[in-house]
């Protein structure tokens, strides 16, 4: 997947429509709590400013579902971006229309206009063609720098490319390069770690990893469904009973797959899921009635660490226990420390595990932390991502 980026086409003096991911958390007072996603877009924005582009930024914020929600307006984002850039970022109160087109025309070279929340418009999530055309009238070139929404076919990241030449921003380019590396002739041994609550979200990824990786380490509540499919009694542990037959098929196919699937051999169990709840470690065959598995146990951690120690590339999505409740974050913590200390490239995606790594202070020891959750899973599953599919390829240059 060789996509053109903003370095590959003339940008000087152009009106550039940039899809960014400024879906940041806000406080009750309407202030940006974490500006990581805003800062991630700065290299692209500054590059365009230096070339005298008139920059139109578009993002969603929250899930307003096609209607105006006052607390989800983009004003706090514009204020924070202004502070980070040290210059004025103009902000439109609407997304499309004559007023916005006049605001774009009034931008000086290097000027920035942040549109109102694109999901205030019903045409955004419907990928409505008229809405996409209205967005396209604002720019000469479309730059997608929002990998976190690349798995969605929306007007501002897919439909607009029917009308404008489309290229990747620097953040998108970085994501593409690392994720391509995870699939195209990756270094071996390659180890994948999957956790989180639901196996339903990852069935396609598991099948793909069974063909690709050398070891597949499964933890979190999703591993319970695998253990139950093997016939173990799990007490009150969370389990997706409607996915048992699918998991049984996965386990049957594992005998002939490239990947060695490694399940927990022991777990931490508790009667209540709350911080410092009374707990103990038992083997997976010894979970009593009334107790629930809430974390992987020490023997499982050691099994995982042995595979991680020998890896050349590690892929990870999803925490391995109820990490938000101390001490049920211990399994995730110990495995994360092993990944951070491994002599391997590490690629981590998904909001929950990224948040856990941030809490543990280990993000700077991970090779690449993806800005996408669902987009990463879809990519690893082998699905086409609508936000990437529309970007121009090198082979099309001059065609």
Protein backbone atom coordinates (compact mmCIF):
# COMPACT_ATOMS: atom_id res chain seq x y z
CA UNK A 1 0.00 0.00 0.00
CA UNK A 2 2.04 2.95 -1.32
CA UNK A 3 -0.05 6.05 -0.78
CA UNK A 4 0.87 9.58 -1.75
CA UNK A 5 1.46 12.02 1.10
CA UNK A 6 1.53 15.80 1.29
CA UNK A 7 5.26 15.66 0.45
CA UNK A 8 4.52 14.14 -2.95
CA UNK A 9 2.37 16.82 -4.61
CA UNK A 10 2.65 20.62 -4.92
CA UNK A 11 0.85 22.26 -2.01
CA UNK A 12 2.02 25.87 -2.15
CA UNK A 13 -0.79 28.39 -1.92
CA UNK A 14 -3.55 25.76 -2.18
CA UNK A 15 -6.75 25.56 -0.20
CA UNK A 16 -6.24 22.31 1.69
CA UNK A 17 -9.10 20.45 3.36
CA UNK A 18 -7.61 18.35 6.18
CA UNK A 19 -9.59 15.65 7.97
CA UNK A 20 -8.11 15.45 11.47
CA UNK A 21 -9.11 13.47 14.53
CA UNK A 22 -9.76 16.04 17.24
CA UNK A 23 -12.23 13.82 19.10
CA UNK A 24 -10.69 14.76 22.45
CA UNK A 25 -12.07 14.45 25.98
CA UNK A 26 -13.61 17.59 27.44
CA UNK A 27 -14.17 18.55 31.08
CA UNK A 28 -17.58 19.54 32.44
CA UNK A 29 -16.40 23.14 32.03
CA UNK A 30 -15.74 22.55 28.33
CA UNK A 31 -11.94 22.46 28.47
CA UNK A 32 -9.73 20.00 26.61
CA UNK A 33 -8.48 17.43 29.14
CA UNK A 34 -6.04 15.56 26.88
CA UNK A 35 -4.70 17.25 23.73
CA UNK A 36 -2.64 14.30 22.46
CA UNK A 37 -4.71 13.97 19.29
CA UNK A 38 -4.44 17.68 18.58
CA UNK A 39 -0.65 17.63 19.03
CA UNK A 40 -0.42 14.59 16.75
CA UNK A 41 -1.75 16.68 13.86
CA UNK A 42 0.68 19.59 14.34
CA UNK A 43 3.40 18.35 11.93
CA UNK A 44 0.90 18.26 9.06
CA UNK A 45 -0.64 21.61 9.95
CA UNK A 46 2.74 23.36 10.32
CA UNK A 47 3.98 21.91 7.03
CA UNK A 48 0.97 23.38 5.24
CA UNK A 49 1.31 26.72 7.03
CA UNK A 50 4.94 27.00 5.92
CA UNK A 51 3.81 26.60 2.31
CA UNK A 52 1.26 29.35 2.48
CA UNK A 53 -1.74 27.04 2.26
CA UNK A 54 -5.19 28.08 3.37
CA UNK A 55 -6.03 25.28 5.78
CA UNK A 56 -9.54 24.01 6.45
CA UNK A 57 -9.66 21.53 9.35
CA UNK A 58 -12.57 19.14 9.85
CA UNK A 59 -13.19 16.75 12.74
CA UNK A 60 -15.95 15.10 14.68
CA UNK A 61 -16.34 15.34 18.44
CA UNK A 62 -18.43 12.80 20.32
CA UNK A 63 -21.57 11.24 18.84
CA UNK A 64 -24.14 13.96 18.16
CA UNK A 65 -25.80 11.77 15.48
CA UNK A 66 -26.61 14.44 12.96
CA UNK A 67 -27.90 17.13 15.30
CA UNK A 68 -26.39 20.14 17.05
CA UNK A 69 -25.28 19.38 20.61
CA UNK A 70 -24.00 22.53 22.29
CA UNK A 71 -21.50 20.78 24.56
CA UNK A 72 -19.92 19.10 21.52
CA UNK A 73 -19.04 22.28 19.65
CA UNK A 74 -15.42 22.60 18.48
CA UNK A 75 -14.68 25.94 20.20
CA UNK A 76 -12.52 24.45 23.01
CA UNK A 77 -10.52 22.56 20.38
CA UNK A 78 -9.93 25.73 18.37
CA UNK A 79 -8.73 27.50 21.53
CA UNK A 80 -6.32 24.70 22.40
CA UNK A 81 -4.97 24.48 18.85
CA UNK A 82 -4.41 28.26 18.87
CA UNK A 83 -2.37 27.92 22.07
CA UNK A 84 -0.29 25.08 20.65
CA UNK A 85 0.44 26.90 17.39
CA UNK A 86 0.88 30.34 18.93
CA UNK A 87 -1.43 31.92 16.36
CA UNK A 88 -5.12 32.49 15.71
CA UNK A 89 -7.21 29.54 14.58
CA UNK A 90 -10.48 30.80 13.19
CA UNK A 91 -13.54 28.70 13.91
CA UNK A 92 -16.74 28.40 11.90
CA UNK A 93 -20.10 27.91 13.60
CA UNK A 94 -21.28 25.80 10.69
CA UNK A 95 -19.79 23.07 8.50
CA UNK A 96 -20.80 23.95 4.94
CA UNK A 97 -22.54 26.75 3.11
CA UNK A 98 -22.01 30.28 1.86
CA UNK A 99 -20.86 31.63 5.23
CA UNK A 100 -18.12 28.99 5.49
CA UNK A 101 -17.05 29.51 1.87
CA UNK A 102 -16.67 33.24 2.57
CA UNK A 103 -14.61 32.46 5.69
CA UNK A 104 -12.30 30.26 3.63
CA UNK A 105 -11.93 32.98 0.98
CA UNK A 106 -10.97 35.45 3.72
CA UNK A 107 -8.14 33.25 5.06
CA UNK A 108 -4.65 34.68 4.56
CA UNK A 109 -1.84 32.39 3.31
CA UNK A 110 -1.01 30.06 6.21
CA UNK A 111 -4.36 30.80 7.86
CA UNK A 112 -6.45 28.12 9.54
CA UNK A 113 -10.21 27.63 9.76
CA UNK A 114 -11.63 24.88 11.98
CA UNK A 115 -15.09 23.81 10.90
CA UNK A 116 -17.88 23.03 13.34
CA UNK A 117 -18.34 19.39 14.38
CA UNK A 118 -18.90 17.52 11.09
CA UNK A 119 -21.21 15.03 12.81
CA UNK A 120 -23.69 17.82 13.47
CA UNK A 121 -24.58 17.22 9.81
CA UNK A 122 -26.67 14.14 9.06
CA UNK A 123 -24.91 13.73 5.72
CA UNK A 124 -21.55 13.01 7.34
CA UNK A 125 -22.12 9.48 8.63
CA UNK A 126 -24.40 8.68 5.68
CA UNK A 127 -21.55 9.62 3.32
CA UNK A 128 -24.10 11.75 1.50
CA UNK A 129 -22.85 12.83 -1.92
CA UNK A 130 -24.31 16.35 -1.79
CA UNK A 131 -22.72 16.95 1.60
CA UNK A 132 -19.39 15.57 0.37
CA UNK A 133 -19.56 17.91 -2.65
CA UNK A 134 -20.26 20.87 -0.35
CA UNK A 135 -17.19 20.00 1.72
CA UNK A 136 -15.10 19.67 -1.44
CA UNK A 137 -16.02 23.20 -2.54
CA UNK A 138 -13.97 24.49 0.38
CA UNK A 139 -10.66 23.09 -0.86
CA UNK A 140 -8.40 22.25 -3.79
CA UNK A 141 -6.74 19.21 -2.18
CA UNK A 142 -7.96 16.70 0.41
CA UNK A 143 -5.53 15.51 3.09
CA UNK A 144 -6.59 12.69 5.39
CA UNK A 145 -4.69 12.74 8.68
CA UNK A 146 -7.32 10.92 10.77
CA UNK A 147 -6.44 7.25 10.93
CA UNK A 148 -8.81 6.79 13.88
CA UNK A 149 -11.78 7.19 11.51
CA UNK A 150 -10.23 5.42 8.50
CA UNK A 151 -12.49 2.39 8.98
CA UNK A 152 -15.59 4.56 8.48
CA UNK A 153 -16.97 5.51 5.07
CA UNK A 154 -18.05 9.04 5.95
CA UNK A 155 -18.32 12.15 3.78
CA UNK A 156 -15.35 13.99 5.31
CA UNK A 157 -12.87 11.13 4.93
CA UNK A 158 -14.21 9.17 1.95
CA UNK A 159 -16.92 10.91 -0.05
CA UNK A 160 -14.95 14.14 -0.44
CA UNK A 161 -12.28 12.24 -2.36
CA UNK A 162 -14.74 11.83 -5.24
CA UNK A 163 -14.21 15.53 -5.91
CA UNK A 164 -10.66 16.34 -4.75
CA UNK A 165 -7.24 14.71 -5.15
CA UNK A 166 -6.62 12.85 -1.87
CA UNK A 167 -3.30 12.27 -0.09
CA UNK A 168 -2.14 11.28 3.39
CA UNK A 169 -0.98 13.65 6.11
CA UNK A 170 2.12 12.87 8.13
CA UNK A 171 0.25 11.10 10.93
CA UNK A 172 -1.68 8.96 8.46
CA UNK A 173 1.53 8.20 6.56
CA UNK A 174 3.20 7.04 9.77
CA UNK A 175 0.26 4.76 10.59
CA UNK A 176 0.29 3.26 7.10
CA UNK A 177 4.03 2.60 7.20
CA UNK A 178 3.98 0.84 10.58
CA UNK A 179 0.84 -1.17 9.95
CA UNK A 180 2.09 -2.27 6.53
CA UNK A 181 5.26 -3.42 8.24
CA UNK A 182 3.17 -5.53 10.63
CA UNK A 183 1.65 -7.46 7.73
CA UNK A 184 4.05 -7.40 4.78
CA UNK A 185 7.03 -9.69 5.41
CA UNK A 186 7.16 -8.93 9.16
CA UNK A 187 10.22 -10.03 11.15
CA UNK A 188 9.91 -13.43 12.80
CA UNK A 189 9.08 -14.54 15.43
CA UNK A 190 6.01 -12.32 15.41
CA UNK A 191 3.87 -12.38 18.55
CA UNK A 192 0.34 -11.02 18.78
CA UNK A 193 -1.38 -10.25 22.09
CA UNK A 194 -5.16 -9.89 22.15
CA UNK A 195 -7.19 -8.97 25.22
CA UNK A 196 -10.24 -6.95 26.10
CA UNK A 197 -13.74 -8.05 26.96
CA UNK A 198 -15.33 -9.45 23.80
CA UNK A 199 -14.04 -12.05 21.40
CA UNK A 200 -16.88 -11.06 19.05
CA UNK A 201 -14.95 -7.92 18.06
CA UNK A 202 -11.81 -9.88 17.20
CA UNK A 203 -12.87 -13.12 15.50
CA UNK A 204 -11.73 -11.95 12.07
CA UNK A 205 -8.44 -10.69 13.51
CA UNK A 206 -7.83 -14.02 15.24
CA UNK A 207 -8.33 -15.97 12.01
CA UNK A 208 -5.94 -13.63 10.20
CA UNK A 209 -3.33 -13.85 12.96
CA UNK A 210 -3.57 -17.65 12.92
CA UNK A 211 -2.20 -17.49 9.36
CA UNK A 212 0.34 -14.75 10.04
CA UNK A 213 1.93 -14.73 13.50
CA UNK A 214 4.04 -17.32 15.29
CA UNK A 215 2.39 -16.99 18.71
CA UNK A 216 -1.05 -15.66 19.62
CA UNK A 217 -1.43 -14.81 23.32
CA UNK A 218 -5.03 -14.45 24.50
CA UNK A 219 -6.06 -12.79 27.75
CA UNK A 220 -8.70 -10.53 29.21
CA UNK A 221 -12.34 -11.52 29.54
CA UNK A 222 -12.37 -12.66 25.90
CA UNK A 223 -10.12 -15.58 26.89
CA UNK A 224 -12.94 -16.89 29.13
CA UNK A 225 -14.95 -17.86 26.06
CA UNK A 226 -12.00 -19.94 24.84
CA UNK A 227 -11.62 -21.61 28.22
CA UNK A 228 -15.32 -22.46 28.37
CA UNK A 229 -15.13 -23.84 24.82
CA UNK A 230 -12.45 -26.19 26.12
CA UNK A 231 -14.91 -27.44 28.73
CA UNK A 232 -13.73 -25.56 31.83
CA UNK A 233 -16.16 -24.35 34.50
CA UNK A 234 -15.73 -20.58 34.92
CA UNK A 235 -17.96 -19.76 37.89
CA UNK A 236 -19.50 -16.32 37.40
CA UNK A 237 -16.90 -15.16 34.86
CA UNK A 238 -18.02 -13.15 31.86
CA UNK A 239 -18.44 -15.39 28.81
CA UNK A 240 -19.95 -14.93 25.35
CA UNK A 241 -22.02 -18.09 25.15
CA UNK A 242 -23.31 -17.15 21.69
CA UNK A 243 -19.74 -17.29 20.38
CA UNK A 244 -18.80 -20.69 21.80
CA UNK A 245 -19.32 -22.58 18.53
CA UNK A 246 -17.21 -20.05 16.63
CA UNK A 247 -14.47 -20.31 19.23
CA UNK A 248 -14.62 -24.11 19.07
CA UNK A 249 -13.99 -23.83 15.31
CA UNK A 250 -11.01 -21.56 15.99
CA UNK A 251 -9.55 -24.05 18.46
CA UNK A 252 -10.07 -26.94 16.03
CA UNK A 253 -8.34 -24.98 13.27
CA UNK A 254 -5.48 -24.01 15.57
CA UNK A 255 -3.96 -27.46 15.19
CA UNK A 256 -3.19 -26.73 11.54
CA UNK A 257 -2.49 -23.00 11.82
CA UNK A 258 0.85 -21.26 11.77
CA UNK A 259 0.22 -19.62 15.13
CA UNK A 260 0.53 -21.31 18.47
CA UNK A 261 -2.47 -20.14 20.50
CA UNK A 262 -1.60 -19.66 24.16
CA UNK A 263 -4.46 -19.36 26.65
CA UNK A 264 -4.28 -18.54 30.36
CA UNK A 265 -3.30 -21.46 32.60
CA UNK A 266 -4.11 -19.58 35.81
CA UNK A 267 -6.23 -16.56 36.66
CA UNK A 268 -6.87 -14.08 39.42
CA UNK A 269 -10.44 -14.49 40.68
CA UNK A 270 -12.71 -12.29 42.81
CA UNK A 271 -16.33 -12.24 43.94
CA UNK A 272 -16.71 -8.51 43.29
CA UNK A 273 -15.20 -6.36 40.57
CA UNK A 274 -13.97 -3.37 42.56
CA UNK A 275 -10.63 -1.98 43.62
CA UNK A 276 -8.85 -4.07 46.27
CA UNK A 277 -11.63 -6.66 46.29
CA UNK A 278 -10.58 -9.91 48.05
CA UNK A 279 -9.02 -12.18 45.43
CA UNK A 280 -6.85 -15.23 44.90
CA UNK A 281 -4.99 -17.08 42.16
CA UNK A 282 -6.25 -20.43 40.89
CA UNK A 283 -5.69 -22.68 37.91
CA UNK A 284 -8.19 -22.30 35.08
CA UNK A 285 -9.69 -25.68 35.99
CA UNK A 286 -10.27 -24.63 39.61
CA UNK A 287 -12.58 -21.58 39.43
CA UNK A 288 -15.32 -22.07 42.05
CA UNK A 289 -18.96 -21.05 41.79
CA UNK A 290 -19.59 -17.41 42.74
CA UNK A 291 -16.12 -16.24 41.64
CA UNK A 292 -15.05 -14.51 38.43
CA UNK A 293 -11.77 -14.40 36.51
CA UNK A 294 -10.57 -10.77 36.53
CA UNK A 295 -6.92 -11.02 35.45
CA UNK A 296 -4.35 -13.45 34.14
CA UNK A 297 -2.30 -15.21 36.82
CA UNK A 298 1.48 -15.31 37.42
CA UNK A 299 2.08 -18.58 35.55
CA UNK A 300 0.31 -17.16 32.52
CA UNK A 301 2.33 -13.96 32.78
CA UNK A 302 5.52 -16.04 32.70
CA UNK A 303 4.30 -18.00 29.66
CA UNK A 304 3.55 -14.75 27.85
CA UNK A 305 6.89 -13.21 28.87
CA UNK A 306 8.84 -16.14 27.42
CA UNK A 307 7.20 -15.67 24.03
CA UNK A 308 7.68 -11.91 24.19
CA UNK A 309 11.37 -12.27 25.06
CA UNK A 310 12.04 -14.17 21.83
CA UNK A 311 9.94 -11.97 19.56
CA UNK A 312 11.16 -9.66 16.82
CA UNK A 313 7.79 -7.96 16.37
CA UNK A 314 4.92 -7.66 18.85
CA UNK A 315 1.34 -6.60 18.02
CA UNK A 316 -1.04 -5.81 20.88
CA UNK A 317 -4.70 -4.87 21.23
CA UNK A 318 -6.71 -4.99 24.47
CA UNK A 319 -5.83 -5.21 28.19
CA UNK A 320 -5.34 -8.63 29.80
CA UNK A 321 -7.54 -8.08 32.86
CA UNK A 322 -9.80 -5.54 34.55
CA UNK A 323 -6.84 -3.14 34.57
CA UNK A 324 -8.89 -0.16 35.78
CA UNK A 325 -9.32 -1.89 39.16
CA UNK A 326 -6.15 -2.26 41.24
CA UNK A 327 -4.70 -4.88 41.66
CA UNK A 328 -6.35 -6.48 38.64
CA UNK A 329 -4.07 -4.41 36.41
CA UNK A 330 -1.08 -6.52 37.42
CA UNK A 331 -1.17 -8.94 34.48
CA UNK A 332 -1.40 -6.11 31.96
CA UNK A 333 1.35 -4.22 33.81
CA UNK A 334 3.82 -7.11 33.88
CA UNK A 335 3.23 -8.03 30.23
CA UNK A 336 3.50 -4.36 29.22
CA UNK A 337 6.84 -4.09 30.99
CA UNK A 338 8.01 -7.18 29.13
CA UNK A 339 6.93 -5.71 25.79
CA UNK A 340 8.60 -2.39 26.60
CA UNK A 341 11.84 -4.15 27.48
CA UNK A 342 11.87 -6.60 24.58
CA UNK A 343 14.37 -6.45 21.74
CA UNK A 344 11.52 -6.19 19.26
CA UNK A 345 9.46 -3.69 17.34
CA UNK A 346 6.15 -3.18 19.12
CA UNK A 347 2.90 -1.89 17.63
CA UNK A 348 0.01 -1.21 19.98
CA UNK A 349 -3.50 -0.13 19.01
CA UNK A 350 -6.80 0.36 20.80
CA UNK A 351 -7.91 2.97 23.31
CA UNK A 352 -8.04 0.76 26.42
CA UNK A 353 -4.55 -0.70 26.13
CA UNK A 354 -3.10 2.67 25.13
CA UNK A 355 -4.69 4.22 28.23
CA UNK A 356 -3.19 1.43 30.34
CA UNK A 357 0.27 2.05 28.90
CA UNK A 358 -0.10 5.77 29.58
CA UNK A 359 -1.06 5.04 33.20
CA UNK A 360 2.02 2.82 33.50
CA UNK A 361 4.33 5.43 31.95
CA UNK A 362 5.48 3.04 29.22
CA UNK A 363 4.31 4.73 26.03
CA UNK A 364 7.77 6.06 25.17
CA UNK A 365 9.12 2.49 25.16
CA UNK A 366 6.67 1.26 22.52
CA UNK A 367 7.81 1.53 18.90
CA UNK A 368 4.45 2.70 17.58
CA UNK A 369 1.19 3.48 19.36
CA UNK A 370 -1.61 3.70 16.83
CA UNK A 371 -4.19 6.48 17.01
CA UNK A 372 -6.88 4.06 15.88
CA UNK A 373 -8.74 1.31 17.74
CA UNK A 374 -11.37 -0.07 15.40
CA UNK A 375 -9.24 0.97 12.42
CA UNK A 376 -6.30 -1.10 13.66
CA UNK A 377 -8.46 -4.17 14.17
CA UNK A 378 -10.00 -3.82 10.72
CA UNK A 379 -6.55 -3.44 9.18
CA UNK A 380 -5.20 -6.50 11.00
CA UNK A 381 -8.31 -8.41 9.95
CA UNK A 382 -7.49 -7.62 6.33
CA UNK A 383 -10.47 -5.35 5.64
CA UNK A 384 -10.23 -2.42 3.27
CA UNK A 385 -10.33 0.86 5.18
CA UNK A 386 -12.52 3.42 3.34
CA UNK A 387 -10.41 6.35 4.57
CA UNK A 388 -7.27 4.78 3.09
CA UNK A 389 -8.78 3.31 -0.06
CA UNK A 390 -9.48 6.76 -1.52
CA UNK A 391 -5.91 8.04 -1.12
CA UNK A 392 -3.93 8.24 -4.34
CA UNK A 393 -1.31 5.57 -4.96
CA UNK A 394 2.19 6.11 -6.30
CA UNK A 395 1.34 4.01 -9.33
CA UNK A 396 -1.33 6.52 -10.31
CA UNK A 397 1.07 9.46 -10.49
CA UNK A 398 1.07 10.80 -14.01
CA UNK A 399 -1.70 8.47 -15.13
